[in-house]
Amino acid sequence: MADRVERRMTVEEFLDWEDGTDIRHMLMDGVVVTMAPASEVHSRIAGNVTYEVRRRVTPPCIALSEAALVLAADTCVQADVAMTCEAR
């Protein structure tokens, strides 16, 4: 029996990809990984952290919630909270 070949994606392919569901995914080393749904406690903590970061940053910096972070050509994760100071 032949081994199943795993198809790997680039971040560009991943960002264009849609599986037709509302399930969240991330891309790790080119492999699509299903993310577990956030618990209520997790969501509250992430919301509170986002709020506190937003209160403390000044332009051009901004806080983002559920931000897609591209870490490499084949890795894209979804952070609960991120901050950037790059010009838009």
PDB file of N, CA and C in Angstrom:
ATOM      1  N   MET A   1       0.844  -1.175   0.000  1.00  0.00           N
ATOM      2  CA  MET A   1       0.000   0.000   0.000  1.00  0.00           C
ATOM      3  C   MET A   1       0.891   1.240   0.000  1.00  0.00           C
ATOM      4  N   ALA A   2       0.563   2.209  -0.812  1.00  0.00           N
ATOM      5  CA  ALA A   2       1.353   3.434  -0.914  1.00  0.00           C
ATOM      6  C   ALA A   2       1.034   4.376   0.247  1.00  0.00           C
ATOM      7  N   ASP A   3       2.065   5.113   0.682  1.00  0.00           N
ATOM      8  CA  ASP A   3       1.854   6.117   1.712  1.00  0.00           C
ATOM      9  C   ASP A   3       1.130   7.315   1.116  1.00  0.00           C
ATOM     10  N   ARG A   4       0.295   7.927   1.939  1.00  0.00           N
ATOM     11  CA  ARG A   4      -0.412   9.130   1.509  1.00  0.00           C
ATOM     12  C   ARG A   4       0.571  10.299   1.488  1.00  0.00           C
ATOM     13  N   VAL A   5       0.581  11.037   0.408  1.00  0.00           N
ATOM     14  CA  VAL A   5       1.460  12.201   0.289  1.00  0.00           C
ATOM     15  C   VAL A   5       0.715  13.407   0.827  1.00  0.00           C
ATOM     16  N   GLU A   6       1.323  14.083   1.774  1.00  0.00           N
ATOM     17  CA  GLU A   6       0.717  15.269   2.370  1.00  0.00           C
ATOM     18  C   GLU A   6       1.034  16.479   1.513  1.00  0.00           C
ATOM     19  N   ARG A   7      -0.004  17.195   1.079  1.00  0.00           N
ATOM     20  CA  ARG A   7       0.198  18.392   0.267  1.00  0.00           C
ATOM     21  C   ARG A   7       0.524  19.566   1.177  1.00  0.00           C
ATOM     22  N   ARG A   8       1.618  20.196   0.912  1.00  0.00           N
ATOM     23  CA  ARG A   8       2.030  21.364   1.687  1.00  0.00           C
ATOM     24  C   ARG A   8       1.647  22.635   0.938  1.00  0.00           C
ATOM     25  N   MET A   9       1.400  23.702   1.683  1.00  0.00           N
ATOM     26  CA  MET A   9       0.994  24.984   1.110  1.00  0.00           C
ATOM     27  C   MET A   9       1.987  26.069   1.488  1.00  0.00           C
ATOM     28  N   THR A  10       2.001  27.099   0.676  1.00  0.00           N
ATOM     29  CA  THR A  10       2.699  28.324   1.051  1.00  0.00           C
ATOM     30  C   THR A  10       1.693  29.188   1.807  1.00  0.00           C
ATOM     31  N   VAL A  11       2.169  30.226   2.449  1.00  0.00           N
ATOM     32  CA  VAL A  11       1.271  31.147   3.140  1.00  0.00           C
ATOM     33  C   VAL A  11       0.302  31.775   2.140  1.00  0.00           C
ATOM     34  N   GLU A  12       0.800  32.156   0.969  1.00  0.00           N
ATOM     35  CA  GLU A  12      -0.060  32.758  -0.058  1.00  0.00           C
ATOM     36  C   GLU A  12      -1.198  31.808  -0.435  1.00  0.00           C
ATOM     37  N   GLU A  13      -0.886  30.534  -0.649  1.00  0.00           N
ATOM     38  CA  GLU A  13      -1.922  29.544  -0.971  1.00  0.00           C
ATOM     39  C   GLU A  13      -2.892  29.376   0.199  1.00  0.00           C
ATOM     40  N   PHE A  14      -2.362  29.347   1.405  1.00  0.00           N
ATOM     41  CA  PHE A  14      -3.187  29.184   2.591  1.00  0.00           C
ATOM     42  C   PHE A  14      -4.175  30.338   2.746  1.00  0.00           C
ATOM     43  N   LEU A  15      -3.694  31.565   2.550  1.00  0.00           N
ATOM     44  CA  LEU A  15      -4.572  32.727   2.700  1.00  0.00           C
ATOM     45  C   LEU A  15      -5.653  32.769   1.630  1.00  0.00           C
ATOM     46  N   ASP A  16      -5.412  32.170   0.476  1.00  0.00           N
ATOM     47  CA  ASP A  16      -6.416  32.084  -0.595  1.00  0.00           C
ATOM     48  C   ASP A  16      -7.334  30.877  -0.434  1.00  0.00           C
ATOM     49  N   TRP A  17      -6.933  29.907   0.382  1.00  0.00           N
ATOM     50  CA  TRP A  17      -7.645  28.649   0.544  1.00  0.00           C
ATOM     51  C   TRP A  17      -8.893  28.834   1.399  1.00  0.00           C
ATOM     52  N   GLU A  18      -9.942  28.152   1.045  1.00  0.00           N
ATOM     53  CA  GLU A  18     -11.189  28.165   1.824  1.00  0.00           C
ATOM     54  C   GLU A  18     -11.720  26.752   1.862  1.00  0.00           C
ATOM     55  N   ASP A  19     -11.985  26.227   3.064  1.00  0.00           N
ATOM     56  CA  ASP A  19     -12.466  24.847   3.162  1.00  0.00           C
ATOM     57  C   ASP A  19     -13.988  24.758   3.195  1.00  0.00           C
ATOM     58  N   GLY A  20     -14.670  25.899   3.141  1.00  0.00           N
ATOM     59  CA  GLY A  20     -16.128  25.891   3.100  1.00  0.00           C
ATOM     60  C   GLY A  20     -16.791  25.735   4.455  1.00  0.00           C
ATOM     61  N   THR A  21     -16.013  25.817   5.539  1.00  0.00           N
ATOM     62  CA  THR A  21     -16.579  25.706   6.882  1.00  0.00           C
ATOM     63  C   THR A  21     -16.217  26.952   7.680  1.00  0.00           C
ATOM     64  N   ASP A  22     -16.718  27.018   8.905  1.00  0.00           N
ATOM     65  CA  ASP A  22     -16.333  28.125   9.783  1.00  0.00           C
ATOM     66  C   ASP A  22     -15.258  27.701  10.789  1.00  0.00           C
ATOM     67  N   ILE A  23     -14.616  26.564  10.520  1.00  0.00           N
ATOM     68  CA  ILE A  23     -13.540  26.064  11.378  1.00  0.00           C
ATOM     69  C   ILE A  23     -12.280  26.890  11.133  1.00  0.00           C
ATOM     70  N   ARG A  24     -11.597  27.259  12.234  1.00  0.00           N
ATOM     71  CA  ARG A  24     -10.372  28.050  12.108  1.00  0.00           C
ATOM     72  C   ARG A  24      -9.173  27.130  11.895  1.00  0.00           C
ATOM     73  N   HIS A  25      -8.230  27.616  11.105  1.00  0.00           N
ATOM     74  CA  HIS A  25      -7.028  26.850  10.795  1.00  0.00           C
ATOM     75  C   HIS A  25      -5.798  27.743  10.923  1.00  0.00           C
ATOM     76  N   MET A  26      -4.655  27.103  11.033  1.00  0.00           N
ATOM     77  CA  MET A  26      -3.370  27.787  10.919  1.00  0.00           C
ATOM     78  C   MET A  26      -2.479  26.926  10.033  1.00  0.00           C
ATOM     79  N   LEU A  27      -1.396  27.500   9.586  1.00  0.00           N
ATOM     80  CA  LEU A  27      -0.462  26.802   8.709  1.00  0.00           C
ATOM     81  C   LEU A  27       0.863  26.662   9.440  1.00  0.00           C
ATOM     82  N   MET A  28       1.283  25.416   9.657  1.00  0.00           N
ATOM     83  CA  MET A  28       2.536  25.149  10.354  1.00  0.00           C
ATOM     84  C   MET A  28       3.448  24.349   9.452  1.00  0.00           C
ATOM     85  N   ASP A  29       4.561  24.937   9.057  1.00  0.00           N
ATOM     86  CA  ASP A  29       5.517  24.265   8.170  1.00  0.00           C
ATOM     87  C   ASP A  29       4.834  23.722   6.921  1.00  0.00           C
ATOM     88  N   GLY A  30       3.883  24.506   6.386  1.00  0.00           N
ATOM     89  CA  GLY A  30       3.204  24.131   5.153  1.00  0.00           C
ATOM     90  C   GLY A  30       2.014  23.207   5.317  1.00  0.00           C
ATOM     91  N   VAL A  31       1.734  22.771   6.549  1.00  0.00           N
ATOM     92  CA  VAL A  31       0.636  21.849   6.806  1.00  0.00           C
ATOM     93  C   VAL A  31      -0.519  22.598   7.471  1.00  0.00           C
ATOM     94  N   VAL A  32      -1.733  22.427   6.935  1.00  0.00           N
ATOM     95  CA  VAL A  32      -2.921  23.048   7.512  1.00  0.00           C
ATOM     96  C   VAL A  32      -3.287  22.303   8.787  1.00  0.00           C
ATOM     97  N   VAL A  33      -3.429  23.043   9.880  1.00  0.00           N
ATOM     98  CA  VAL A  33      -3.751  22.469  11.179  1.00  0.00           C
ATOM     99  C   VAL A  33      -5.056  23.094  11.670  1.00  0.00           C
ATOM    100  N   THR A  34      -6.000  22.250  12.099  1.00  0.00           N
ATOM    101  CA  THR A  34      -7.262  22.731  12.638  1.00  0.00           C
ATOM    102  C   THR A  34      -7.042  23.257  14.049  1.00  0.00           C
ATOM    103  N   MET A  35      -7.607  24.426  14.326  1.00  0.00           N
ATOM    104  CA  MET A  35      -7.492  25.020  15.651  1.00  0.00           C
ATOM    105  C   MET A  35      -8.718  24.658  16.484  1.00  0.00           C
ATOM    106  N   ALA A  36      -8.504  24.361  17.740  1.00  0.00           N
ATOM    107  CA  ALA A  36      -9.621  24.097  18.646  1.00  0.00           C
ATOM    108  C   ALA A  36     -10.379  25.400  18.894  1.00  0.00           C
ATOM    109  N   PRO A  37     -11.679  25.326  19.054  1.00  0.00           N
ATOM    110  CA  PRO A  37     -12.438  26.538  19.379  1.00  0.00           C
ATOM    111  C   PRO A  37     -11.976  27.102  20.724  1.00  0.00           C
ATOM    112  N   ALA A  38     -11.972  28.416  20.831  1.00  0.00           N
ATOM    113  CA  ALA A  38     -11.570  29.054  22.084  1.00  0.00           C
ATOM    114  C   ALA A  38     -12.669  28.864  23.126  1.00  0.00           C
ATOM    115  N   SER A  39     -12.264  28.605  24.346  1.00  0.00           N
ATOM    116  CA  SER A  39     -13.234  28.491  25.433  1.00  0.00           C
ATOM    117  C   SER A  39     -13.714  29.888  25.827  1.00  0.00           C
ATOM    118  N   GLU A  40     -14.777  29.938  26.596  1.00  0.00           N
ATOM    119  CA  GLU A  40     -15.290  31.239  27.052  1.00  0.00           C
ATOM    120  C   GLU A  40     -14.248  31.970  27.889  1.00  0.00           C
ATOM    121  N   VAL A  41     -13.574  31.244  28.764  1.00  0.00           N
ATOM    122  CA  VAL A  41     -12.543  31.861  29.604  1.00  0.00           C
ATOM    123  C   VAL A  41     -11.413  32.407  28.744  1.00  0.00           C
ATOM    124  N   HIS A  42     -10.963  31.608  27.777  1.00  0.00           N
ATOM    125  CA  HIS A  42      -9.898  32.051  26.869  1.00  0.00           C
ATOM    126  C   HIS A  42     -10.318  33.321  26.134  1.00  0.00           C
ATOM    127  N   SER A  43     -11.546  33.350  25.627  1.00  0.00           N
ATOM    128  CA  SER A  43     -12.042  34.519  24.892  1.00  0.00           C
ATOM    129  C   SER A  43     -12.084  35.759  25.777  1.00  0.00           C
ATOM    130  N   ARG A  44     -12.508  35.584  27.023  1.00  0.00           N
ATOM    131  CA  ARG A  44     -12.547  36.726  27.954  1.00  0.00           C
ATOM    132  C   ARG A  44     -11.155  37.264  28.225  1.00  0.00           C
ATOM    133  N   ILE A  45     -10.225  36.363  28.477  1.00  0.00           N
ATOM    134  CA  ILE A  45      -8.844  36.785  28.748  1.00  0.00           C
ATOM    135  C   ILE A  45      -8.265  37.511  27.536  1.00  0.00           C
ATOM    136  N   ALA A  46      -8.428  36.940  26.348  1.00  0.00           N
ATOM    137  CA  ALA A  46      -7.897  37.571  25.130  1.00  0.00           C
ATOM    138  C   ALA A  46      -8.529  38.943  24.916  1.00  0.00           C
ATOM    139  N   GLY A  47      -9.819  39.066  25.154  1.00  0.00           N
ATOM    140  CA  GLY A  47     -10.498  40.362  25.011  1.00  0.00           C
ATOM    141  C   GLY A  47      -9.977  41.382  26.002  1.00  0.00           C
ATOM    142  N   ASN A  48      -9.779  40.960  27.233  1.00  0.00           N
ATOM    143  CA  ASN A  48      -9.252  41.871  28.254  1.00  0.00           C
ATOM    144  C   ASN A  48      -7.829  42.316  27.940  1.00  0.00           C
ATOM    145  N   VAL A  49      -7.004  41.382  27.482  1.00  0.00           N
ATOM    146  CA  VAL A  49      -5.623  41.731  27.120  1.00  0.00           C
ATOM    147  C   VAL A  49      -5.617  42.708  25.944  1.00  0.00           C
ATOM    148  N   THR A  50      -6.442  42.438  24.936  1.00  0.00           N
ATOM    149  CA  THR A  50      -6.528  43.346  23.781  1.00  0.00           C
ATOM    150  C   THR A  50      -6.920  44.743  24.236  1.00  0.00           C
ATOM    151  N   TYR A  51      -7.922  44.836  25.091  1.00  0.00           N
ATOM    152  CA  TYR A  51      -8.385  46.129  25.606  1.00  0.00           C
ATOM    153  C   TYR A  51      -7.251  46.867  26.313  1.00  0.00           C
ATOM    154  N   GLU A  52      -6.541  46.165  27.189  1.00  0.00           N
ATOM    155  CA  GLU A  52      -5.470  46.810  27.941  1.00  0.00           C
ATOM    156  C   GLU A  52      -4.326  47.257  27.038  1.00  0.00           C
ATOM    157  N   VAL A  53      -3.981  46.456  26.032  1.00  0.00           N
ATOM    158  CA  VAL A  53      -2.923  46.860  25.102  1.00  0.00           C
ATOM    159  C   VAL A  53      -3.378  48.089  24.314  1.00  0.00           C
ATOM    160  N   ARG A  54      -4.609  48.076  23.821  1.00  0.00           N
ATOM    161  CA  ARG A  54      -5.126  49.231  23.062  1.00  0.00           C
ATOM    162  C   ARG A  54      -5.088  50.511  23.889  1.00  0.00           C
ATOM    163  N   ARG A  55      -5.398  50.413  25.175  1.00  0.00           N
ATOM    164  CA  ARG A  55      -5.387  51.597  26.048  1.00  0.00           C
ATOM    165  C   ARG A  55      -3.992  52.191  26.200  1.00  0.00           C
ATOM    166  N   ARG A  56      -2.989  51.355  26.057  1.00  0.00           N
ATOM    167  CA  ARG A  56      -1.638  51.796  26.382  1.00  0.00           C
ATOM    168  C   ARG A  56      -0.767  52.167  25.179  1.00  0.00           C
ATOM    169  N   VAL A  57      -1.156  51.786  23.989  1.00  0.00           N
ATOM    170  CA  VAL A  57      -0.316  52.097  22.831  1.00  0.00           C
ATOM    171  C   VAL A  57      -0.693  53.451  22.243  1.00  0.00           C
ATOM    172  N   THR A  58       0.272  54.076  21.627  1.00  0.00           N
ATOM    173  CA  THR A  58       0.033  55.363  20.974  1.00  0.00           C
ATOM    174  C   THR A  58       0.391  55.241  19.502  1.00  0.00           C
ATOM    175  N   PRO A  59      -0.267  56.030  18.658  1.00  0.00           N
ATOM    176  CA  PRO A  59       0.019  55.973  17.217  1.00  0.00           C
ATOM    177  C   PRO A  59       1.493  56.215  16.951  1.00  0.00           C
ATOM    178  N   PRO A  60       2.040  55.534  15.981  1.00  0.00           N
ATOM    179  CA  PRO A  60       1.367  54.746  14.952  1.00  0.00           C
ATOM    180  C   PRO A  60       1.070  53.307  15.380  1.00  0.00           C
ATOM    181  N   CYS A  61       1.343  52.954  16.633  1.00  0.00           N
ATOM    182  CA  CYS A  61       1.124  51.580  17.079  1.00  0.00           C
ATOM    183  C   CYS A  61      -0.363  51.304  17.279  1.00  0.00           C
ATOM    184  N   ILE A  62      -0.762  50.061  16.981  1.00  0.00           N
ATOM    185  CA  ILE A  62      -2.137  49.634  17.184  1.00  0.00           C
ATOM    186  C   ILE A  62      -2.133  48.199  17.699  1.00  0.00           C
ATOM    187  N   ALA A  63      -3.176  47.854  18.432  1.00  0.00           N
ATOM    188  CA  ALA A  63      -3.367  46.480  18.902  1.00  0.00           C
ATOM    189  C   ALA A  63      -4.381  45.808  17.997  1.00  0.00           C
ATOM    190  N   LEU A  64      -4.145  44.543  17.689  1.00  0.00           N
ATOM    191  CA  LEU A  64      -5.039  43.774  16.830  1.00  0.00           C
ATOM    192  C   LEU A  64      -5.465  42.516  17.558  1.00  0.00           C
ATOM    193  N   SER A  65      -6.721  42.140  17.386  1.00  0.00           N
ATOM    194  CA  SER A  65      -7.167  40.864  17.946  1.00  0.00           C
ATOM    195  C   SER A  65      -7.324  39.868  16.806  1.00  0.00           C
ATOM    196  N   GLU A  66      -7.059  38.595  17.118  1.00  0.00           N
ATOM    197  CA  GLU A  66      -7.136  37.510  16.140  1.00  0.00           C
ATOM    198  C   GLU A  66      -6.400  37.861  14.844  1.00  0.00           C
ATOM    199  N   ALA A  67      -5.178  38.289  14.998  1.00  0.00           N
ATOM    200  CA  ALA A  67      -4.361  38.706  13.862  1.00  0.00           C
ATOM    201  C   ALA A  67      -3.625  37.522  13.256  1.00  0.00           C
ATOM    202  N   ALA A  68      -3.626  37.458  11.935  1.00  0.00           N
ATOM    203  CA  ALA A  68      -2.835  36.447  11.230  1.00  0.00           C
ATOM    204  C   ALA A  68      -1.393  36.928  11.186  1.00  0.00           C
ATOM    205  N   LEU A  69      -0.502  36.138  11.707  1.00  0.00           N
ATOM    206  CA  LEU A  69       0.913  36.488  11.725  1.00  0.00           C
ATOM    207  C   LEU A  69       1.678  35.530  10.824  1.00  0.00           C
ATOM    208  N   VAL A  70       2.317  36.070   9.809  1.00  0.00           N
ATOM    209  CA  VAL A  70       3.130  35.268   8.908  1.00  0.00           C
ATOM    210  C   VAL A  70       4.526  35.187   9.522  1.00  0.00           C
ATOM    211  N   LEU A  71       4.916  33.979   9.893  1.00  0.00           N
ATOM    212  CA  LEU A  71       6.208  33.777  10.548  1.00  0.00           C
ATOM    213  C   LEU A  71       7.281  33.279   9.598  1.00  0.00           C
ATOM    214  N   ALA A  72       6.866  32.685   8.482  1.00  0.00           N
ATOM    215  CA  ALA A  72       7.787  32.162   7.479  1.00  0.00           C
ATOM    216  C   ALA A  72       6.993  31.962   6.191  1.00  0.00           C
ATOM    217  N   ALA A  73       7.659  31.571   5.120  1.00  0.00           N
ATOM    218  CA  ALA A  73       6.983  31.365   3.838  1.00  0.00           C
ATOM    219  C   ALA A  73       5.950  30.257   3.898  1.00  0.00           C
ATOM    220  N   ASP A  74       6.048  29.382   4.928  1.00  0.00           N
ATOM    221  CA  ASP A  74       5.116  28.256   5.042  1.00  0.00           C
ATOM    222  C   ASP A  74       4.453  28.164   6.412  1.00  0.00           C
ATOM    223  N   THR A  75       4.473  29.276   7.168  1.00  0.00           N
ATOM    224  CA  THR A  75       3.887  29.258   8.508  1.00  0.00           C
ATOM    225  C   THR A  75       3.102  30.539   8.773  1.00  0.00           C
ATOM    226  N   CYS A  76       1.833  30.369   9.112  1.00  0.00           N
ATOM    227  CA  CYS A  76       0.945  31.489   9.424  1.00  0.00           C
ATOM    228  C   CYS A  76       0.077  31.076  10.603  1.00  0.00           C
ATOM    229  N   VAL A  77       0.175  31.815  11.695  1.00  0.00           N
ATOM    230  CA  VAL A  77      -0.595  31.492  12.890  1.00  0.00           C
ATOM    231  C   VAL A  77      -1.580  32.608  13.180  1.00  0.00           C
ATOM    232  N   GLN A  78      -2.560  32.321  13.999  1.00  0.00           N
ATOM    233  CA  GLN A  78      -3.533  33.328  14.382  1.00  0.00           C
ATOM    234  C   GLN A  78      -3.308  33.655  15.854  1.00  0.00           C
ATOM    235  N   ALA A  79      -2.836  34.871  16.098  1.00  0.00           N
ATOM    236  CA  ALA A  79      -2.549  35.302  17.464  1.00  0.00           C
ATOM    237  C   ALA A  79      -3.806  35.873  18.103  1.00  0.00           C
ATOM    238  N   ASP A  80      -3.974  35.637  19.396  1.00  0.00           N
ATOM    239  CA  ASP A  80      -5.103  36.235  20.107  1.00  0.00           C
ATOM    240  C   ASP A  80      -4.970  37.750  20.111  1.00  0.00           C
ATOM    241  N   VAL A  81      -3.749  38.236  20.364  1.00  0.00           N
ATOM    242  CA  VAL A  81      -3.474  39.668  20.417  1.00  0.00           C
ATOM    243  C   VAL A  81      -2.124  39.927  19.772  1.00  0.00           C
ATOM    244  N   ALA A  82      -2.056  40.960  18.971  1.00  0.00           N
ATOM    245  CA  ALA A  82      -0.783  41.368  18.378  1.00  0.00           C
ATOM    246  C   ALA A  82      -0.723  42.893  18.357  1.00  0.00           C
ATOM    247  N   MET A  83       0.463  43.416  18.279  1.00  0.00           N
ATOM    248  CA  MET A  83       0.649  44.864  18.185  1.00  0.00           C
ATOM    249  C   MET A  83       1.624  45.147  17.059  1.00  0.00           C
ATOM    250  N   THR A  84       1.343  46.191  16.301  1.00  0.00           N
ATOM    251  CA  THR A  84       2.243  46.613  15.253  1.00  0.00           C
ATOM    252  C   THR A  84       2.415  48.126  15.315  1.00  0.00           C
ATOM    253  N   CYS A  85       3.577  48.563  14.906  1.00  0.00           N
ATOM    254  CA  CYS A  85       3.842  50.001  14.838  1.00  0.00           C
ATOM    255  C   CYS A  85       4.207  50.400  13.407  1.00  0.00           C
ATOM    256  N   GLU A  86       3.961  49.474  12.463  1.00  0.00           N
ATOM    257  CA  GLU A  86       4.236  49.759  11.068  1.00  0.00           C
ATOM    258  C   GLU A  86       3.171  50.697  10.488  1.00  0.00           C
ATOM    259  N   ALA A  87       3.592  51.559   9.583  1.00  0.00           N
ATOM    260  CA  ALA A  87       2.644  52.439   8.913  1.00  0.00           C
ATOM    261  C   ALA A  87       1.704  51.590   8.090  1.00  0.00           C
ATOM    262  N   ARG A  88       0.469  51.999   8.007  1.00  0.00           N
ATOM    263  CA  ARG A  88      -0.524  51.226   7.222  1.00  0.00           C
ATOM    264  C   ARG A  88      -0.297  51.426   5.762  1.00  0.00           C
TER     265      ARG A  88
END
